[in-house]
Protein backbone atom coordinates (compact mmCIF):
# COMPACT_ATOMS: atom_id res chain seq x y z
CA MET A 1 -46.12 80.70 103.70
CA THR A 2 -44.63 79.60 100.11
CA PRO A 3 -43.68 76.08 100.06
CA VAL A 4 -41.32 73.96 98.22
CA ILE A 5 -42.88 70.62 97.38
CA TYR A 6 -41.29 67.37 95.96
CA GLU A 7 -43.77 65.32 94.18
CA ILE A 8 -42.89 61.66 94.27
CA ASP A 9 -45.05 58.95 91.92
CA THR A 10 -45.48 56.61 95.15
CA TRP A 11 -45.81 53.37 93.80
CA PRO A 12 -43.13 53.42 90.87
CA TRP A 13 -40.62 55.08 93.23
CA LEU A 14 -40.81 52.37 96.13
CA ALA A 15 -41.12 49.58 93.20
CA GLY A 16 -37.47 50.98 92.38
CA LEU A 17 -36.21 50.84 95.65
CA GLY A 18 -36.41 46.78 95.74
CA LYS A 19 -39.33 44.16 95.26
CA GLY A 20 -41.62 44.71 98.16
CA VAL A 21 -40.43 47.61 100.00
CA THR A 22 -43.55 49.71 101.10
CA LEU A 23 -43.44 53.22 103.06
CA ALA A 24 -43.12 51.21 106.31
CA ASP A 25 -39.57 50.20 105.50
CA VAL A 26 -38.20 52.90 103.21
CA PRO A 27 -34.03 53.14 104.17
CA GLY A 28 -33.32 56.24 106.13
CA HIS A 29 -30.41 56.68 103.64
CA VAL A 30 -33.36 57.12 101.12
CA TRP A 31 -35.76 59.63 103.14
CA ASP A 32 -32.61 61.59 103.46
CA GLU A 33 -31.77 61.61 100.05
CA VAL A 34 -35.12 63.05 99.34
CA ALA A 35 -34.67 65.61 102.23
CA ALA A 36 -32.98 67.95 99.91
CA PRO A 37 -31.88 71.42 101.16
CA GLY A 38 -34.34 74.03 99.96
CA LEU A 39 -37.51 71.62 100.04
CA ASP A 40 -40.42 72.40 102.88
CA ALA A 41 -42.57 69.07 101.51
CA VAL A 42 -43.04 66.01 99.76
CA TRP A 43 -46.23 64.77 97.77
CA LEU A 44 -46.51 61.16 97.47
CA MET A 45 -49.13 61.25 94.88
CA GLY A 46 -51.29 57.90 94.61
CA VAL A 47 -51.13 56.43 97.79
CA TRP A 48 -54.77 55.48 98.07
CA GLU A 49 -56.46 52.19 97.25
CA ARG A 50 -56.73 51.58 93.78
CA SER A 51 -60.12 50.23 91.94
CA PRO A 52 -60.17 46.33 90.47
CA ALA A 53 -63.31 47.44 88.32
CA GLY A 54 -60.79 50.79 87.17
CA LEU A 55 -57.74 48.69 86.63
CA ALA A 56 -59.95 46.17 84.11
CA VAL A 57 -60.89 49.35 82.05
CA ALA A 58 -57.46 49.92 82.01
CA ARG A 59 -56.42 46.40 80.76
CA SER A 60 -58.78 46.32 78.11
CA ASN A 61 -58.54 50.48 76.96
CA ASP A 62 -56.40 50.33 73.57
CA GLY A 63 -55.55 53.60 73.87
CA LEU A 64 -53.93 53.53 77.00
CA GLN A 65 -52.39 50.10 76.57
CA ARG A 66 -50.57 51.78 73.34
CA SER A 67 -49.31 54.61 76.20
CA PHE A 68 -48.22 51.86 78.21
CA HIS A 69 -45.95 50.10 75.80
CA GLU A 70 -44.58 53.38 74.69
CA ALA A 71 -43.29 54.27 78.07
CA LEU A 72 -42.58 50.79 78.76
CA PRO A 73 -41.95 48.83 75.73
CA ASP A 74 -41.22 45.59 78.18
CA LEU A 75 -44.39 45.72 79.95
CA THR A 76 -45.94 43.27 81.39
CA ALA A 77 -49.17 42.56 83.03
CA GLU A 78 -47.77 43.07 86.48
CA ASP A 79 -46.45 46.64 85.34
CA VAL A 80 -50.67 47.65 85.39
CA VAL A 81 -51.73 48.57 88.40
CA GLY A 82 -54.55 51.37 87.62
CA SER A 83 -54.96 54.47 88.14
CA PRO A 84 -54.36 56.43 91.57
CA TYR A 85 -57.24 59.27 90.74
CA CYS A 86 -59.99 55.97 90.08
CA VAL A 87 -60.16 55.73 94.16
CA ARG A 88 -61.75 52.88 95.84
CA GLN A 89 -61.61 54.20 99.37
CA TYR A 90 -59.58 56.78 100.70
CA ARG A 91 -57.13 54.19 102.44
CA VAL A 92 -53.56 53.64 102.02
CA ASP A 93 -52.97 50.96 99.15
CA ASP A 94 -51.87 47.53 101.57
CA ARG A 95 -49.44 46.95 98.28
CA LEU A 96 -47.89 50.54 99.33
CA GLY A 97 -47.92 50.13 103.07
CA GLY A 98 -51.43 50.96 104.46
CA PRO A 99 -51.88 53.55 107.05
CA ASP A 100 -49.14 52.34 109.52
CA GLY A 101 -46.44 52.53 106.54
CA LEU A 102 -47.56 55.97 105.63
CA ALA A 103 -47.85 57.23 109.44
CA VAL A 104 -44.29 56.08 109.12
CA ALA A 105 -43.43 57.93 106.35
CA ARG A 106 -44.76 60.90 107.59
CA SER A 107 -42.57 60.44 110.55
CA GLU A 108 -39.36 60.08 108.90
CA LEU A 109 -40.57 63.47 106.63
CA ARG A 110 -41.00 65.03 109.89
CA LYS A 111 -37.52 63.84 111.41
CA ARG A 112 -36.03 66.02 108.43
CA GLY A 113 -38.18 68.83 108.48
CA LEU A 114 -40.44 68.34 105.49
CA ARG A 115 -43.89 68.50 105.60
CA LEU A 116 -46.35 65.58 104.19
CA VAL A 117 -48.87 66.49 101.13
CA LEU A 118 -51.64 63.77 99.97
CA ASP A 119 -54.69 63.97 97.17
CA TYR A 120 -57.58 64.45 97.32
CA VAL A 121 -60.10 63.87 93.73
CA PRO A 122 -63.83 65.95 94.33
CA ASN A 123 -64.79 65.24 91.21
CA HIS A 124 -65.22 61.53 90.83
CA VAL A 125 -64.82 57.93 92.39
CA ALA A 126 -64.15 54.60 91.25
CA PRO A 127 -66.82 52.35 89.67
CA ASP A 128 -67.15 50.26 92.88
CA HIS A 129 -66.31 52.24 95.54
CA PRO A 130 -68.91 51.70 97.86
CA ALA A 131 -70.75 55.20 97.71
CA LEU A 132 -72.10 53.48 94.30
CA ALA A 133 -74.23 51.61 95.83
CA GLU A 134 -74.66 53.34 99.44
CA HIS A 135 -75.73 56.60 98.28
CA PRO A 136 -76.71 56.78 94.60
CA ASP A 137 -77.77 60.58 95.26
CA TRP A 138 -74.28 61.70 95.63
CA PHE A 139 -73.67 61.01 92.06
CA ILE A 140 -75.08 62.07 88.49
CA GLN A 141 -77.42 59.49 87.33
CA GLY A 142 -79.60 59.58 83.73
CA THR A 143 -77.15 59.64 81.33
CA PRO A 144 -77.00 56.92 78.22
CA ASP A 145 -73.96 55.69 78.82
CA GLY A 146 -72.35 54.82 82.25
CA PHE A 147 -72.22 52.20 85.43
CA HIS A 148 -75.53 50.18 86.00
CA VAL A 149 -75.62 50.38 89.59
CA GLY A 150 -78.73 49.25 91.36
CA GLY A 151 -81.04 49.52 88.41
CA ARG A 152 -79.75 53.15 88.03
CA VAL A 153 -77.18 54.41 85.45
CA ILE A 154 -74.23 56.78 87.27
CA ALA A 155 -72.63 58.80 84.38
CA GLN A 156 -69.17 58.16 83.64
CA GLY A 157 -66.97 61.42 84.97
CA ARG A 158 -65.51 64.38 83.27
CA ASP A 159 -65.18 67.68 81.84
CA PRO A 160 -66.48 70.24 79.74
CA TYR A 161 -64.42 69.72 77.19
CA PHE A 162 -63.33 66.08 76.78
CA PRO A 163 -65.27 63.05 76.26
CA PRO A 164 -65.87 61.00 79.95
CA TRP A 165 -63.09 58.85 81.32
CA PRO A 166 -64.27 55.58 81.10
CA ASP A 167 -62.80 53.94 84.32
CA VAL A 168 -64.80 56.39 87.31
CA ALA A 169 -68.38 57.88 88.13
CA GLN A 170 -69.31 61.39 88.19
CA LEU A 171 -70.25 62.72 91.75
CA ASN A 172 -73.09 65.35 91.72
CA ALA A 173 -71.23 69.13 93.29
CA PHE A 174 -74.91 70.24 93.71
CA SER A 175 -76.07 67.26 95.98
CA PRO A 176 -76.06 68.15 99.61
CA GLY A 177 -75.02 64.86 100.62
CA MET A 178 -72.14 65.06 98.85
CA ARG A 179 -71.04 68.14 99.72
CA ALA A 180 -70.93 66.83 103.67
CA ALA A 181 -69.27 63.90 102.82
CA THR A 182 -66.46 65.65 100.92
CA LEU A 183 -65.62 67.93 104.37
CA GLU A 184 -65.49 64.43 105.93
CA MET A 185 -63.29 62.36 103.74
CA MET A 186 -61.08 65.75 103.67
CA SER A 187 -60.81 65.70 107.43
CA GLY A 188 -60.18 62.28 107.54
CA ILE A 189 -57.23 62.72 104.88
CA ALA A 190 -55.92 65.87 106.93
CA ASP A 191 -55.16 63.84 110.09
CA GLN A 192 -52.73 61.92 108.20
CA CYS A 193 -50.78 64.97 106.03
CA ASP A 194 -50.14 69.05 106.65
CA GLY A 195 -51.14 69.40 103.23
CA ILE A 196 -54.27 67.98 100.31
CA ARG A 197 -54.03 68.62 97.05
CA CYS A 198 -57.25 68.84 94.94
CA ASP A 199 -57.43 67.27 91.83
CA MET A 200 -59.10 69.22 89.05
CA ALA A 201 -60.72 71.64 91.78
CA MET A 202 -62.16 73.56 88.98
CA LEU A 203 -64.25 71.74 88.49
CA LEU A 204 -66.66 71.97 91.29
CA ILE A 205 -67.23 75.35 90.72
CA ASN A 206 -71.11 76.13 90.31
CA GLU A 207 -71.27 77.82 86.68
CA ILE A 208 -68.51 75.31 85.45
CA PHE A 209 -70.73 72.22 86.88
CA ALA A 210 -73.97 73.38 85.82
CA ARG A 211 -72.27 74.12 82.24
CA THR A 212 -70.67 70.36 82.29
CA TRP A 213 -73.60 68.61 83.64
CA GLY A 214 -77.26 70.79 82.45
CA HIS A 215 -80.23 69.62 83.86
CA LEU A 216 -78.81 66.07 84.98
CA ALA A 217 -76.93 68.11 88.12
CA GLY A 218 -80.45 69.76 89.36
CA PRO A 219 -80.68 73.22 90.40
CA ALA A 220 -77.13 75.24 91.51
CA PRO A 221 -77.08 76.01 95.37
CA ALA A 222 -76.57 79.56 96.31
CA GLU A 223 -73.63 78.71 98.00
CA GLU A 224 -70.33 77.48 96.09
CA PHE A 225 -69.03 74.15 96.43
CA TRP A 226 -65.16 75.24 98.01
CA PRO A 227 -65.83 77.89 100.67
CA ARG A 228 -68.01 76.01 103.06
CA VAL A 229 -65.54 72.60 102.61
CA THR A 230 -62.22 74.74 103.26
CA GLY A 231 -63.25 76.99 106.22
CA ALA A 232 -64.70 73.74 108.40
CA LEU A 233 -61.37 72.08 107.28
CA ARG A 234 -59.22 75.22 108.92
CA GLU A 235 -61.38 75.13 112.05
CA ARG A 236 -60.92 71.04 112.23
CA HIS A 237 -57.04 71.53 111.23
CA PRO A 238 -55.64 74.60 111.69
CA GLY A 239 -52.51 75.06 109.62
CA LEU A 240 -53.63 72.92 106.81
CA VAL A 241 -52.20 73.93 103.30
CA LEU A 242 -54.71 73.50 100.49
CA ILE A 243 -54.08 73.61 96.79
CA ALA A 244 -55.66 73.18 93.95
CA GLU A 245 -54.71 71.59 89.93
CA ALA A 246 -57.09 74.67 88.10
CA TYR A 247 -56.79 75.83 84.92
CA TRP A 248 -59.15 77.87 82.79
CA ASP A 249 -58.45 81.12 84.57
CA THR A 250 -59.91 79.95 87.45
CA GLU A 251 -56.98 80.36 89.73
CA TRP A 252 -58.25 84.02 91.57
CA MET A 253 -62.05 82.28 92.30
CA LEU A 254 -60.15 79.24 94.12
CA GLN A 255 -57.97 81.39 96.02
CA GLN A 256 -61.08 83.67 97.31
CA GLN A 257 -62.92 80.23 98.12
CA GLY A 258 -60.25 79.06 100.45
CA PHE A 259 -56.71 77.81 98.04
CA ASP A 260 -54.07 78.72 99.64
CA HIS A 261 -52.15 77.81 95.87
CA CYS A 262 -53.45 77.18 92.89
CA TYR A 263 -51.42 75.54 89.69
CA ASP A 264 -50.30 78.19 87.46
CA LYS A 265 -50.16 76.35 84.17
CA ARG A 266 -50.28 79.91 82.47
CA LEU A 267 -46.90 80.23 83.39
CA TYR A 268 -45.87 76.95 82.49
CA ASP A 269 -47.39 77.50 79.27
CA ARG A 270 -45.33 80.80 78.41
CA LEU A 271 -41.81 79.25 79.90
CA VAL A 272 -41.83 76.61 77.68
CA HIS A 273 -43.54 78.23 74.09
CA GLU A 274 -43.14 81.38 74.58
CA ASP A 275 -40.88 84.45 75.15
CA ALA A 276 -39.50 86.62 77.64
CA GLY A 277 -42.29 89.35 76.49
CA SER A 278 -45.54 87.07 77.62
CA VAL A 279 -43.44 85.93 80.96
CA SER A 280 -42.95 89.64 82.15
CA LYS A 281 -45.87 90.57 81.20
CA HIS A 282 -47.69 87.51 83.52
CA LEU A 283 -45.23 88.58 86.17
CA SER A 284 -46.89 91.90 86.69
CA ALA A 285 -49.95 90.49 88.27
CA ASP A 286 -50.63 91.52 92.14
CA LEU A 287 -48.06 90.24 94.26
CA ALA A 288 -51.08 88.95 96.84
CA TYR A 289 -52.15 86.66 93.90
CA GLN A 290 -49.13 85.23 92.89
CA ASN A 291 -47.91 84.56 96.18
CA GLY A 292 -50.98 82.44 95.80
CA LEU A 293 -50.14 80.47 92.90
CA ILE A 294 -47.89 77.21 92.58
CA ARG A 295 -44.93 77.35 89.87
CA PHE A 296 -43.73 74.02 88.31
CA LEU A 297 -41.89 72.58 84.91
CA GLU A 298 -43.17 69.34 85.29
CA ASN A 299 -45.78 67.22 86.94
CA HIS A 300 -47.35 63.40 86.79
CA ASP A 301 -49.74 65.17 83.77
CA GLU A 302 -47.37 67.39 81.96
CA PRO A 303 -44.43 66.08 79.83
CA ARG A 304 -40.92 65.46 81.04
CA ALA A 305 -38.84 69.15 81.18
CA ALA A 306 -35.45 67.36 79.79
CA ALA A 307 -37.63 65.87 76.81
CA THR A 308 -39.81 68.92 76.16
CA LEU A 309 -37.08 72.51 76.27
CA PRO A 310 -34.48 72.39 74.04
CA GLY A 311 -30.78 73.14 74.74
CA GLY A 312 -30.37 75.10 78.04
CA ARG A 313 -34.09 76.11 78.27
CA GLU A 314 -34.76 74.57 80.68
CA ARG A 315 -32.19 75.71 83.13
CA ALA A 316 -33.09 78.64 82.76
CA ALA A 317 -36.99 78.48 83.75
CA ALA A 318 -35.44 76.38 86.37
CA VAL A 319 -34.04 78.90 87.44
CA ALA A 320 -37.47 81.18 87.26
CA ILE A 321 -39.60 79.47 88.58
CA ALA A 322 -37.49 78.73 91.30
CA THR A 323 -36.65 82.09 92.33
CA LEU A 324 -40.18 83.49 91.36
CA PRO A 325 -42.66 84.45 94.39
CA GLY A 326 -45.24 81.43 95.38
CA ALA A 327 -44.93 77.81 95.66
CA THR A 328 -42.85 75.45 93.71
CA LEU A 329 -43.43 71.88 92.45
CA TRP A 330 -40.86 69.65 91.44
CA HIS A 331 -41.48 66.11 90.23
CA ASP A 332 -39.78 63.10 90.64
CA GLY A 333 -37.14 62.67 88.14
CA GLU A 334 -37.15 66.14 87.36
CA PHE A 335 -33.83 66.69 88.27
CA GLU A 336 -32.12 63.56 86.93
CA GLY A 337 -33.10 64.68 83.46
CA ARG A 338 -35.67 61.57 83.08
CA ARG A 339 -37.39 62.04 79.49
CA VAL A 340 -40.01 59.28 79.84
CA HIS A 341 -43.38 60.64 80.82
CA LEU A 342 -44.44 57.40 82.73
CA PRO A 343 -48.82 57.22 82.85
CA VAL A 344 -49.69 57.01 86.33
CA PHE A 345 -51.50 53.65 85.91
CA LEU A 346 -47.70 52.13 86.06
CA ALA A 347 -45.81 50.62 88.60
CA ARG A 348 -42.05 51.00 87.35
CA PHE A 349 -39.80 53.83 85.56
CA PRO A 350 -38.39 52.76 82.64
CA ASP A 351 -34.25 52.52 82.90
CA GLU A 352 -32.87 55.89 82.30
CA PRO A 353 -29.62 57.29 82.71
CA VAL A 354 -28.47 60.17 85.31
CA ASP A 355 -27.83 63.24 83.97
CA ALA A 356 -25.94 64.00 87.19
CA GLY A 357 -24.71 67.85 86.25
CA LEU A 358 -28.48 68.35 85.62
CA ARG A 359 -29.10 66.66 89.07
CA ASP A 360 -26.30 68.85 90.38
CA PHE A 361 -27.30 72.07 88.99
CA HIS A 362 -31.19 71.61 90.47
CA ARG A 363 -29.58 70.65 93.65
CA THR A 364 -27.36 73.78 94.32
CA LEU A 365 -30.66 75.89 92.58
CA LEU A 366 -32.89 74.54 95.83
CA ARG A 367 -30.22 75.89 98.18
CA VAL A 368 -29.62 79.12 96.75
CA ALA A 369 -33.51 79.59 96.23
CA ALA A 370 -33.88 79.42 99.36
CA SER A 371 -31.71 81.41 100.71
CA VAL A 372 -32.90 84.30 97.87
CA ARG A 373 -36.07 84.46 98.47
CA ARG A 374 -36.67 86.62 101.19
CA GLY A 375 -38.00 89.76 101.90
CA GLU A 376 -39.69 92.13 99.11
CA TRP A 377 -39.89 90.91 95.77
CA ARG A 378 -40.34 93.61 92.43
CA LEU A 379 -40.40 92.75 88.76
CA LEU A 380 -37.84 95.13 87.25
CA GLY A 381 -37.15 95.86 83.75
CA THR A 382 -34.49 96.43 81.05
CA GLU A 383 -33.13 98.79 78.67
CA GLY A 384 -31.21 98.49 75.46
CA TRP A 385 -29.85 100.25 72.52
CA PRO A 386 -31.32 101.83 69.44
CA ASP A 387 -29.13 98.97 67.28
CA ASN A 388 -29.40 96.62 70.09
CA GLN A 389 -33.15 95.54 71.45
CA THR A 390 -31.87 92.12 72.77
CA HIS A 391 -32.57 93.38 76.29
CA GLN A 392 -36.31 92.23 75.69
CA ASP A 393 -34.98 88.83 75.91
CA LEU A 394 -34.37 89.72 79.33
CA LEU A 395 -35.86 88.63 82.40
CA ALA A 396 -35.00 90.63 85.49
CA TRP A 397 -36.14 90.43 89.43
CA SER A 398 -35.61 91.34 92.81
CA TRP A 399 -34.90 90.31 96.39
CA SER A 400 -34.41 91.95 99.39
CA GLY A 401 -30.29 91.75 98.54
CA HIS A 402 -30.57 89.85 95.71
CA LEU A 403 -30.67 90.26 91.52
CA VAL A 404 -31.96 87.84 89.28
CA VAL A 405 -31.90 88.01 85.33
CA ILE A 406 -32.41 85.32 82.92
CA ASN A 407 -31.85 85.64 78.83
CA LEU A 408 -35.08 83.36 77.78
CA SER A 409 -33.69 83.54 73.93
CA ASP A 410 -31.66 80.96 72.04
CA HIS A 411 -29.34 84.16 71.35
CA PRO A 412 -26.86 86.10 73.45
CA SER A 413 -28.63 89.05 75.07
CA GLN A 414 -27.92 92.59 76.25
CA GLY A 415 -29.50 95.12 78.21
CA ARG A 416 -29.28 96.86 81.90
CA VAL A 417 -31.41 96.30 84.61
CA GLU A 418 -33.58 98.60 85.83
CA LEU A 419 -32.63 98.79 89.36
CA ALA A 420 -33.95 102.29 90.82
CA ARG A 421 -32.43 101.98 93.67
CA PRO A 422 -30.59 105.60 94.50
CA ASP A 423 -28.99 103.99 98.08
CA LEU A 424 -27.04 101.89 95.65
CA ALA A 425 -24.66 105.37 95.22
CA GLY A 426 -21.51 106.43 97.38
CA ARG A 427 -20.09 102.67 97.36
CA ALA A 428 -18.26 99.56 94.86
CA TRP A 429 -20.14 96.55 94.83
CA ARG A 430 -19.63 93.31 94.92
CA LEU A 431 -21.66 91.06 93.17
CA THR A 432 -21.57 87.23 93.52
CA ASP A 433 -23.45 84.46 91.15
CA LEU A 434 -24.66 82.04 93.84
CA LEU A 435 -25.40 79.12 91.24
CA ASP A 436 -21.86 79.51 89.71
CA GLY A 437 -19.53 81.98 92.02
CA ARG A 438 -18.50 84.46 89.22
CA VAL A 439 -17.66 87.69 91.24
CA PHE A 440 -18.73 91.11 89.60
CA GLU A 441 -17.22 94.61 90.62
CA ARG A 442 -19.44 97.67 89.75
CA SER A 443 -19.94 101.27 90.97
CA GLY A 444 -22.79 102.21 92.90
CA SER A 445 -23.04 104.99 91.15
CA ASP A 446 -23.30 103.34 87.89
CA LEU A 447 -25.57 101.09 89.14
CA ALA A 448 -27.75 103.94 90.46
CA GLU A 449 -27.73 105.80 87.69
CA ASN A 450 -27.85 103.55 84.91
CA GLY A 451 -28.81 100.09 86.27
CA LEU A 452 -26.71 96.86 86.15
CA TYR A 453 -25.21 95.73 82.48
CA VAL A 454 -25.24 92.27 81.75
CA ASP A 455 -24.54 90.14 78.84
CA LEU A 456 -25.57 86.66 79.28
CA PRO A 457 -25.34 83.71 76.57
CA PRO A 458 -28.00 81.78 75.53
CA TRP A 459 -30.99 80.64 77.99
CA GLY A 460 -27.92 82.49 80.52
CA THR A 461 -28.82 83.57 83.82
CA HIS A 462 -27.69 85.11 86.94
CA VAL A 463 -28.55 85.00 90.66
CA LEU A 464 -26.31 87.79 92.21
CA THR A 465 -26.44 88.88 95.87
CA LEU A 466 -24.91 92.93 96.43
CA GLU A 467 -22.48 93.20 99.07
């Protein structure tokens, strides 16, 4: 199963529906709008109880305050509600409707054929999480700076490449008690949803954790962190989908340790910053590996696609991620062309105009991609001519009965897509572009012998069905 997931920034999304609206009383027509044809699941990001201690840090941090004012020039104190990744306890925040409100939301999604995804943060917790006082052995201790709890100094959370995060306490992935507690906590979350997205999952890999914390972590266990957790979860919750936020080329390792899908940040970087050749090379990876990736153009951590991708590049890249194997992640506001990246600490979105054309394009793309991504997927090559090598800017792949071609460049590109299908000969073919309705008639013999000639404008695309 390769789901198409829509991420909602829960707190500002609810605020946009009206003052005091919670998950328990979202109007039915709003859930209808969320349940666009082609989606399989909704990720309600940021539902857990946020930390008052973490909120105090956010309100006193000059760097964070600057980012808040950049996103919301009319910022008020009430707009800052704390980080959803500084979790005080894994109970739905009462201000969002509490556990009962989440149950209502899950029921409404189920009525519309959508599954629910929630977050878990395995690496750290809020500094006022009850476990700091009750189970200090679950945490990294002994750093010069940190949180003082009962005569101990608990380290601030971090990854190995950046300074510590000032609002969270670092769990010790080598602690047996912490590992057992992770399983129980994730099992409790799984009772309330259909999938769990694990924040910064690669930080718990033994080698990475040991490199980050050295002697403070103690000796590394023989067993990796994730396999026992994911294995036991699947025994308790068959069908649960596990998603890893993953970087640093750890995707394959985390797939082997039990995750269904891992972030494909490499593809994101290549679609945003590089050319068709680098994307094509990336897509030559083993198909089983690609099926275990999740493709995206934005999420709550990345800049807005409308602000990052110039001209028609956004639409070309969107066609790519929508029609590739693996899972797909879309983000609240991406379809409408929002340009302001909202820090996760904030409770409302700025007012921005809706790009109706972009919204309609994405809605059509969702529906088309759902019909295209069936059967066998194959990456296709392209050919050019001695005096025209623009075919190198073309990306092409096929599904059973469908062909996708993308010009990932800011200039017109021509070439022949290598179909390598002798079965096409013997009849005429009608090719219909499912995105815009254009129809092309082609000789089957020409297609079989020479492939499909395409001539695409800058950032142009074809999503063709062969009839």
